[in-house]
Structures are given as C-alpha cells and as structure tokens.
Amino acid sequence: MTDIPLADAKARLSELVARAAAGDPVRITRRGRPVAELTAIHQDRKPLDVAALKRLTDAMPMAAESAGDLVRQMRDEDRF
C-alpha cells in the first residue's frame, strides 16, 4: 500500500484511482496520519448463459452486406 499526502492526492486523483482499480490500494494521509484509503471494488460477474446468447443470435437476420463493406461505404460517404 502506498501512502500519499492529501495535497498530492488532489493533484493526481485520476492516476491514484487507476492504481487502486488495478489492485494497488492507496492510503491518503493528512499531516502524516492516514485519513482515507482507495481500493478496488470487486463485483461478481454474472455467468454467461451461452444457450440464451445462441438463441438470440440465431433469431437475428443476416446482414445484407459484410461489416467490411459497410465500413468502406460509411467511409466513402463520409458518414462516420
């Protein structure tokens, strides 16, 4: 865990949040005393229902053109 003075934390908040999210907790200090701690929030992921996903994609109509052709057309017509 890294200790960071409050004044530095205010100037580098985005960086400290990214570090905490990556698993490196950060302790913020005021006058040398710890006052707050940034840690990652661990959220449980829902299991993927592969059968439901397959049913969904099977029900979708096929595209009239390939994705590459669509992107080329959008690029050529300046619609991106």
PDB file of N, CA and C in Angstrom:
ATOM      1  N   MET A   1       0.844  -1.172   0.000  1.00  0.00           N
ATOM      2  CA  MET A   1       0.000   0.000   0.000  1.00  0.00           C
ATOM      3  C   MET A   1       0.888   1.233   0.000  1.00  0.00           C
ATOM      4  N   THR A   2       0.471   2.212  -0.789  1.00  0.00           N
ATOM      5  CA  THR A   2       1.232   3.441  -0.939  1.00  0.00           C
ATOM      6  C   THR A   2       0.577   4.562  -0.139  1.00  0.00           C
ATOM      7  N   ASP A   3       1.373   5.316   0.606  1.00  0.00           N
ATOM      8  CA  ASP A   3       0.877   6.488   1.333  1.00  0.00           C
ATOM      9  C   ASP A   3       1.114   7.729   0.480  1.00  0.00           C
ATOM     10  N   ILE A   4       0.063   8.538   0.306  1.00  0.00           N
ATOM     11  CA  ILE A   4       0.141   9.753  -0.492  1.00  0.00           C
ATOM     12  C   ILE A   4      -0.419  10.906   0.332  1.00  0.00           C
ATOM     13  N   PRO A   5       0.318  12.030   0.457  1.00  0.00           N
ATOM     14  CA  PRO A   5      -0.221  13.210   1.154  1.00  0.00           C
ATOM     15  C   PRO A   5      -1.447  13.751   0.416  1.00  0.00           C
ATOM     16  N   LEU A   6      -2.385  14.294   1.142  1.00  0.00           N
ATOM     17  CA  LEU A   6      -3.637  14.789   0.582  1.00  0.00           C
ATOM     18  C   LEU A   6      -3.414  15.780  -0.558  1.00  0.00           C
ATOM     19  N   ALA A   7      -2.479  16.700  -0.395  1.00  0.00           N
ATOM     20  CA  ALA A   7      -2.228  17.694  -1.447  1.00  0.00           C
ATOM     21  C   ALA A   7      -1.802  17.007  -2.751  1.00  0.00           C
ATOM     22  N   ASP A   8      -0.953  15.989  -2.656  1.00  0.00           N
ATOM     23  CA  ASP A   8      -0.537  15.253  -3.852  1.00  0.00           C
ATOM     24  C   ASP A   8      -1.700  14.446  -4.422  1.00  0.00           C
ATOM     25  N   ALA A   9      -2.514  13.888  -3.546  1.00  0.00           N
ATOM     26  CA  ALA A   9      -3.645  13.085  -4.000  1.00  0.00           C
ATOM     27  C   ALA A   9      -4.628  13.943  -4.793  1.00  0.00           C
ATOM     28  N   LYS A  10      -4.842  15.171  -4.365  1.00  0.00           N
ATOM     29  CA  LYS A  10      -5.753  16.062  -5.080  1.00  0.00           C
ATOM     30  C   LYS A  10      -5.235  16.335  -6.485  1.00  0.00           C
ATOM     31  N   ALA A  11      -3.939  16.465  -6.627  1.00  0.00           N
ATOM     32  CA  ALA A  11      -3.352  16.762  -7.927  1.00  0.00           C
ATOM     33  C   ALA A  11      -3.276  15.535  -8.826  1.00  0.00           C
ATOM     34  N   ARG A  12      -3.280  14.321  -8.257  1.00  0.00           N
ATOM     35  CA  ARG A  12      -3.078  13.090  -9.028  1.00  0.00           C
ATOM     36  C   ARG A  12      -4.226  12.102  -8.853  1.00  0.00           C
ATOM     37  N   LEU A  13      -5.440  12.593  -8.617  1.00  0.00           N
ATOM     38  CA  LEU A  13      -6.554  11.712  -8.286  1.00  0.00           C
ATOM     39  C   LEU A  13      -6.820  10.664  -9.367  1.00  0.00           C
ATOM     40  N   SER A  14      -6.848  11.053 -10.625  1.00  0.00           N
ATOM     41  CA  SER A  14      -7.124  10.089 -11.702  1.00  0.00           C
ATOM     42  C   SER A  14      -6.106   8.957 -11.700  1.00  0.00           C
ATOM     43  N   GLU A  15      -4.845   9.298 -11.540  1.00  0.00           N
ATOM     44  CA  GLU A  15      -3.785   8.282 -11.511  1.00  0.00           C
ATOM     45  C   GLU A  15      -3.969   7.349 -10.308  1.00  0.00           C
ATOM     46  N   LEU A  16      -4.299   7.913  -9.149  1.00  0.00           N
ATOM     47  CA  LEU A  16      -4.459   7.102  -7.942  1.00  0.00           C
ATOM     48  C   LEU A  16      -5.670   6.180  -8.045  1.00  0.00           C
ATOM     49  N   VAL A  17      -6.746   6.656  -8.634  1.00  0.00           N
ATOM     50  CA  VAL A  17      -7.920   5.806  -8.835  1.00  0.00           C
ATOM     51  C   VAL A  17      -7.576   4.655  -9.772  1.00  0.00           C
ATOM     52  N   ALA A  18      -6.842   4.939 -10.825  1.00  0.00           N
ATOM     53  CA  ALA A  18      -6.436   3.877 -11.756  1.00  0.00           C
ATOM     54  C   ALA A  18      -5.565   2.840 -11.050  1.00  0.00           C
ATOM     55  N   ARG A  19      -4.661   3.293 -10.209  1.00  0.00           N
ATOM     56  CA  ARG A  19      -3.804   2.353  -9.465  1.00  0.00           C
ATOM     57  C   ARG A  19      -4.637   1.496  -8.522  1.00  0.00           C
ATOM     58  N   ALA A  20      -5.578   2.120  -7.819  1.00  0.00           N
ATOM     59  CA  ALA A  20      -6.429   1.374  -6.897  1.00  0.00           C
ATOM     60  C   ALA A  20      -7.275   0.356  -7.657  1.00  0.00           C
ATOM     61  N   ALA A  21      -7.819   0.760  -8.794  1.00  0.00           N
ATOM     62  CA  ALA A  21      -8.636  -0.149  -9.602  1.00  0.00           C
ATOM     63  C   ALA A  21      -7.813  -1.331 -10.110  1.00  0.00           C
ATOM     64  N   ALA A  22      -6.527  -1.108 -10.316  1.00  0.00           N
ATOM     65  CA  ALA A  22      -5.642  -2.175 -10.784  1.00  0.00           C
ATOM     66  C   ALA A  22      -5.201  -3.099  -9.649  1.00  0.00           C
ATOM     67  N   GLY A  23      -5.605  -2.784  -8.425  1.00  0.00           N
ATOM     68  CA  GLY A  23      -5.284  -3.667  -7.314  1.00  0.00           C
ATOM     69  C   GLY A  23      -4.221  -3.154  -6.362  1.00  0.00           C
ATOM     70  N   ASP A  24      -3.734  -1.942  -6.571  1.00  0.00           N
ATOM     71  CA  ASP A  24      -2.724  -1.353  -5.698  1.00  0.00           C
ATOM     72  C   ASP A  24      -3.399  -0.322  -4.798  1.00  0.00           C
ATOM     73  N   PRO A  25      -3.814  -0.701  -3.573  1.00  0.00           N
ATOM     74  CA  PRO A  25      -4.513   0.253  -2.716  1.00  0.00           C
ATOM     75  C   PRO A  25      -3.640   1.456  -2.377  1.00  0.00           C
ATOM     76  N   VAL A  26      -4.292   2.590  -2.197  1.00  0.00           N
ATOM     77  CA  VAL A  26      -3.599   3.849  -1.913  1.00  0.00           C
ATOM     78  C   VAL A  26      -4.186   4.429  -0.630  1.00  0.00           C
ATOM     79  N   ARG A  27      -3.304   4.806   0.302  1.00  0.00           N
ATOM     80  CA  ARG A  27      -3.737   5.422   1.551  1.00  0.00           C
ATOM     81  C   ARG A  27      -3.412   6.909   1.467  1.00  0.00           C
ATOM     82  N   ILE A  28      -4.405   7.752   1.746  1.00  0.00           N
ATOM     83  CA  ILE A  28      -4.228   9.196   1.711  1.00  0.00           C
ATOM     84  C   ILE A  28      -4.011   9.679   3.140  1.00  0.00           C
ATOM     85  N   THR A  29      -2.994  10.506   3.289  1.00  0.00           N
ATOM     86  CA  THR A  29      -2.632  10.983   4.628  1.00  0.00           C
ATOM     87  C   THR A  29      -2.800  12.497   4.723  1.00  0.00           C
ATOM     88  N   ARG A  30      -3.077  12.948   5.929  1.00  0.00           N
ATOM     89  CA  ARG A  30      -3.123  14.383   6.227  1.00  0.00           C
ATOM     90  C   ARG A  30      -2.205  14.594   7.421  1.00  0.00           C
ATOM     91  N   ARG A  31      -1.179  15.392   7.223  1.00  0.00           N
ATOM     92  CA  ARG A  31      -0.174  15.652   8.258  1.00  0.00           C
ATOM     93  C   ARG A  31       0.438  14.341   8.763  1.00  0.00           C
ATOM     94  N   GLY A  32       0.639  13.414   7.849  1.00  0.00           N
ATOM     95  CA  GLY A  32       1.287  12.148   8.188  1.00  0.00           C
ATOM     96  C   GLY A  32       0.371  11.078   8.751  1.00  0.00           C
ATOM     97  N   ARG A  33      -0.892  11.417   8.991  1.00  0.00           N
ATOM     98  CA  ARG A  33      -1.837  10.433   9.552  1.00  0.00           C
ATOM     99  C   ARG A  33      -2.772   9.937   8.453  1.00  0.00           C
ATOM    100  N   PRO A  34      -3.011   8.635   8.384  1.00  0.00           N
ATOM    101  CA  PRO A  34      -3.931   8.111   7.373  1.00  0.00           C
ATOM    102  C   PRO A  34      -5.355   8.592   7.631  1.00  0.00           C
ATOM    103  N   VAL A  35      -6.016   9.090   6.555  1.00  0.00           N
ATOM    104  CA  VAL A  35      -7.387   9.581   6.694  1.00  0.00           C
ATOM    105  C   VAL A  35      -8.358   8.897   5.716  1.00  0.00           C
ATOM    106  N   ALA A  36      -7.830   8.301   4.666  1.00  0.00           N
ATOM    107  CA  ALA A  36      -8.702   7.644   3.677  1.00  0.00           C
ATOM    108  C   ALA A  36      -7.889   6.596   2.930  1.00  0.00           C
ATOM    109  N   GLU A  37      -8.633   5.683   2.310  1.00  0.00           N
ATOM    110  CA  GLU A  37      -7.972   4.623   1.565  1.00  0.00           C
ATOM    111  C   GLU A  37      -8.757   4.372   0.275  1.00  0.00           C
ATOM    112  N   LEU A  38      -8.041   4.308  -0.836  1.00  0.00           N
ATOM    113  CA  LEU A  38      -8.651   3.971  -2.120  1.00  0.00           C
ATOM    114  C   LEU A  38      -8.347   2.514  -2.426  1.00  0.00           C
ATOM    115  N   THR A  39      -9.396   1.740  -2.650  1.00  0.00           N
ATOM    116  CA  THR A  39      -9.225   0.333  -3.019  1.00  0.00           C
ATOM    117  C   THR A  39     -10.187   0.004  -4.143  1.00  0.00           C
ATOM    118  N   ALA A  40      -9.910  -1.071  -4.845  1.00  0.00           N
ATOM    119  CA  ALA A  40     -10.789  -1.512  -5.928  1.00  0.00           C
ATOM    120  C   ALA A  40     -12.063  -2.114  -5.356  1.00  0.00           C
ATOM    121  N   ILE A  41     -13.140  -1.961  -6.094  1.00  0.00           N
ATOM    122  CA  ILE A  41     -14.397  -2.605  -5.738  1.00  0.00           C
ATOM    123  C   ILE A  41     -14.492  -3.875  -6.574  1.00  0.00           C
ATOM    124  N   HIS A  42     -14.655  -4.976  -5.901  1.00  0.00           N
ATOM    125  CA  HIS A  42     -14.753  -6.255  -6.606  1.00  0.00           C
ATOM    126  C   HIS A  42     -16.216  -6.604  -6.790  1.00  0.00           C
ATOM    127  N   GLN A  43     -16.619  -6.700  -8.048  1.00  0.00           N
ATOM    128  CA  GLN A  43     -18.006  -7.035  -8.348  1.00  0.00           C
ATOM    129  C   GLN A  43     -18.050  -8.431  -8.944  1.00  0.00           C
ATOM    130  N   ASP A  44     -18.985  -9.218  -8.446  1.00  0.00           N
ATOM    131  CA  ASP A  44     -19.157 -10.551  -9.000  1.00  0.00           C
ATOM    132  C   ASP A  44     -19.776 -10.433 -10.379  1.00  0.00           C
ATOM    133  N   ARG A  45     -19.241 -11.203 -11.309  1.00  0.00           N
ATOM    134  CA  ARG A  45     -19.765 -11.191 -12.666  1.00  0.00           C
ATOM    135  C   ARG A  45     -20.833 -12.260 -12.809  1.00  0.00           C
ATOM    136  N   LYS A  46     -21.871 -11.930 -13.543  1.00  0.00           N
ATOM    137  CA  LYS A  46     -22.926 -12.897 -13.797  1.00  0.00           C
ATOM    138  C   LYS A  46     -22.401 -13.954 -14.764  1.00  0.00           C
ATOM    139  N   PRO A  47     -22.784 -15.207 -14.557  1.00  0.00           N
ATOM    140  CA  PRO A  47     -22.367 -16.224 -15.516  1.00  0.00           C
ATOM    141  C   PRO A  47     -23.069 -15.993 -16.861  1.00  0.00           C
ATOM    142  N   LEU A  48     -22.380 -16.300 -17.921  1.00  0.00           N
ATOM    143  CA  LEU A  48     -22.897 -16.111 -19.266  1.00  0.00           C
ATOM    144  C   LEU A  48     -23.755 -17.306 -19.651  1.00  0.00           C
ATOM    145  N   ASP A  49     -24.990 -17.063 -20.045  1.00  0.00           N
ATOM    146  CA  ASP A  49     -25.888 -18.117 -20.498  1.00  0.00           C
ATOM    147  C   ASP A  49     -25.660 -18.304 -21.998  1.00  0.00           C
ATOM    148  N   VAL A  50     -24.806 -19.245 -22.349  1.00  0.00           N
ATOM    149  CA  VAL A  50     -24.406 -19.448 -23.732  1.00  0.00           C
ATOM    150  C   VAL A  50     -25.603 -19.859 -24.582  1.00  0.00           C
ATOM    151  N   ALA A  51     -26.483 -20.689 -24.053  1.00  0.00           N
ATOM    152  CA  ALA A  51     -27.642 -21.141 -24.812  1.00  0.00           C
ATOM    153  C   ALA A  51     -28.560 -19.959 -25.149  1.00  0.00           C
ATOM    154  N   ALA A  52     -28.794 -19.056 -24.199  1.00  0.00           N
ATOM    155  CA  ALA A  52     -29.634 -17.883 -24.453  1.00  0.00           C
ATOM    156  C   ALA A  52     -28.983 -16.963 -25.484  1.00  0.00           C
ATOM    157  N   LEU A  53     -27.677 -16.805 -25.413  1.00  0.00           N
ATOM    158  CA  LEU A  53     -26.965 -15.987 -26.384  1.00  0.00           C
ATOM    159  C   LEU A  53     -27.080 -16.588 -27.782  1.00  0.00           C
ATOM    160  N   LYS A  54     -26.948 -17.902 -27.879  1.00  0.00           N
ATOM    161  CA  LYS A  54     -27.070 -18.576 -29.182  1.00  0.00           C
ATOM    162  C   LYS A  54     -28.474 -18.396 -29.739  1.00  0.00           C
ATOM    163  N   ARG A  55     -29.507 -18.536 -28.897  1.00  0.00           N
ATOM    164  CA  ARG A  55     -30.882 -18.345 -29.368  1.00  0.00           C
ATOM    165  C   ARG A  55     -31.078 -16.923 -29.883  1.00  0.00           C
ATOM    166  N   LEU A  56     -30.508 -15.959 -29.180  1.00  0.00           N
ATOM    167  CA  LEU A  56     -30.629 -14.567 -29.581  1.00  0.00           C
ATOM    168  C   LEU A  56     -29.971 -14.324 -30.935  1.00  0.00           C
ATOM    169  N   THR A  57     -28.753 -14.798 -31.094  1.00  0.00           N
ATOM    170  CA  THR A  57     -28.043 -14.553 -32.354  1.00  0.00           C
ATOM    171  C   THR A  57     -28.649 -15.353 -33.501  1.00  0.00           C
ATOM    172  N   ASP A  58     -29.187 -16.528 -33.227  1.00  0.00           N
ATOM    173  CA  ASP A  58     -29.839 -17.300 -34.285  1.00  0.00           C
ATOM    174  C   ASP A  58     -31.104 -16.611 -34.778  1.00  0.00           C
ATOM    175  N   ALA A  59     -31.770 -15.839 -33.905  1.00  0.00           N
ATOM    176  CA  ALA A  59     -33.001 -15.153 -34.274  1.00  0.00           C
ATOM    177  C   ALA A  59     -32.742 -13.867 -35.055  1.00  0.00           C
ATOM    178  N   MET A  60     -31.500 -13.409 -35.087  1.00  0.00           N
ATOM    179  CA  MET A  60     -31.175 -12.162 -35.787  1.00  0.00           C
ATOM    180  C   MET A  60     -31.047 -12.431 -37.285  1.00  0.00           C
ATOM    181  N   PRO A  61     -31.580 -11.531 -38.105  1.00  0.00           N
ATOM    182  CA  PRO A  61     -31.441 -11.731 -39.554  1.00  0.00           C
ATOM    183  C   PRO A  61     -29.996 -11.488 -39.996  1.00  0.00           C
ATOM    184  N   MET A  62     -29.612 -12.167 -41.054  1.00  0.00           N
ATOM    185  CA  MET A  62     -28.268 -11.972 -41.597  1.00  0.00           C
ATOM    186  C   MET A  62     -28.180 -10.592 -42.235  1.00  0.00           C
ATOM    187  N   ALA A  63     -27.056  -9.961 -42.127  1.00  0.00           N
ATOM    188  CA  ALA A  63     -26.855  -8.647 -42.735  1.00  0.00           C
ATOM    189  C   ALA A  63     -26.749  -8.801 -44.247  1.00  0.00           C
ATOM    190  N   ALA A  64     -27.220  -7.788 -44.949  1.00  0.00           N
ATOM    191  CA  ALA A  64     -27.198  -7.830 -46.410  1.00  0.00           C
ATOM    192  C   ALA A  64     -25.781  -7.678 -46.958  1.00  0.00           C
ATOM    193  N   GLU A  65     -24.916  -7.034 -46.195  1.00  0.00           N
ATOM    194  CA  GLU A  65     -23.540  -6.835 -46.645  1.00  0.00           C
ATOM    195  C   GLU A  65     -22.577  -7.141 -45.502  1.00  0.00           C
ATOM    196  N   SER A  66     -21.333  -7.368 -45.843  1.00  0.00           N
ATOM    197  CA  SER A  66     -20.351  -7.680 -44.817  1.00  0.00           C
ATOM    198  C   SER A  66     -20.005  -6.429 -44.013  1.00  0.00           C
ATOM    199  N   ALA A  67     -19.462  -6.624 -42.838  1.00  0.00           N
ATOM    200  CA  ALA A  67     -19.081  -5.493 -41.992  1.00  0.00           C
ATOM    201  C   ALA A  67     -18.017  -4.639 -42.684  1.00  0.00           C
ATOM    202  N   GLY A  68     -17.093  -5.284 -43.377  1.00  0.00           N
ATOM    203  CA  GLY A  68     -16.054  -4.540 -44.094  1.00  0.00           C
ATOM    204  C   GLY A  68     -16.639  -3.648 -45.168  1.00  0.00           C
ATOM    205  N   ASP A  69     -17.621  -4.185 -45.923  1.00  0.00           N
ATOM    206  CA  ASP A  69     -18.266  -3.384 -46.959  1.00  0.00           C
ATOM    207  C   ASP A  69     -19.026  -2.211 -46.349  1.00  0.00           C
ATOM    208  N   LEU A  70     -19.702  -2.454 -45.231  1.00  0.00           N
ATOM    209  CA  LEU A  70     -20.437  -1.387 -44.564  1.00  0.00           C
ATOM    210  C   LEU A  70     -19.501  -0.271 -44.107  1.00  0.00           C
ATOM    211  N   VAL A  71     -18.378  -0.632 -43.519  1.00  0.00           N
ATOM    212  CA  VAL A  71     -17.416   0.380 -43.052  1.00  0.00           C
ATOM    213  C   VAL A  71     -16.837   1.152 -44.233  1.00  0.00           C
ATOM    214  N   ARG A  72     -16.509   0.442 -45.326  1.00  0.00           N
ATOM    215  CA  ARG A  72     -15.990   1.120 -46.516  1.00  0.00           C
ATOM    216  C   ARG A  72     -17.021   2.107 -47.065  1.00  0.00           C
ATOM    217  N   GLN A  73     -18.275   1.678 -47.117  1.00  0.00           N
ATOM    218  CA  GLN A  73     -19.339   2.549 -47.617  1.00  0.00           C
ATOM    219  C   GLN A  73     -19.488   3.775 -46.722  1.00  0.00           C
ATOM    220  N   MET A  74     -19.477   3.588 -45.415  1.00  0.00           N
ATOM    221  CA  MET A  74     -19.580   4.720 -44.491  1.00  0.00           C
ATOM    222  C   MET A  74     -18.401   5.672 -44.672  1.00  0.00           C
ATOM    223  N   ARG A  75     -17.204   5.116 -44.831  1.00  0.00           N
ATOM    224  CA  ARG A  75     -16.010   5.935 -45.012  1.00  0.00           C
ATOM    225  C   ARG A  75     -16.105   6.726 -46.303  1.00  0.00           C
ATOM    226  N   ASP A  76     -16.520   6.054 -47.383  1.00  0.00           N
ATOM    227  CA  ASP A  76     -16.579   6.709 -48.693  1.00  0.00           C
ATOM    228  C   ASP A  76     -17.670   7.780 -48.750  1.00  0.00           C
ATOM    229  N   GLU A  77     -18.730   7.609 -47.972  1.00  0.00           N
ATOM    230  CA  GLU A  77     -19.822   8.569 -47.975  1.00  0.00           C
ATOM    231  C   GLU A  77     -19.668   9.594 -46.849  1.00  0.00           C
ATOM    232  N   ASP A  78     -18.555   9.556 -46.123  1.00  0.00           N
ATOM    233  CA  ASP A  78     -18.283  10.493 -45.021  1.00  0.00           C
ATOM    234  C   ASP A  78     -19.392  10.499 -43.975  1.00  0.00           C
ATOM    235  N   ARG A  79     -19.902   9.316 -43.606  1.00  0.00           N
ATOM    236  CA  ARG A  79     -20.959   9.244 -42.611  1.00  0.00           C
ATOM    237  C   ARG A  79     -20.443   8.765 -41.267  1.00  0.00           C
ATOM    238  N   PHE A  80     -19.168   8.724 -41.055  1.00  0.00           N
ATOM    239  CA  PHE A  80     -18.660   8.207 -39.791  1.00  0.00           C
ATOM    240  C   PHE A  80     -18.431   9.294 -38.802  1.00  0.00           C
TER     241      PHE A  80
END
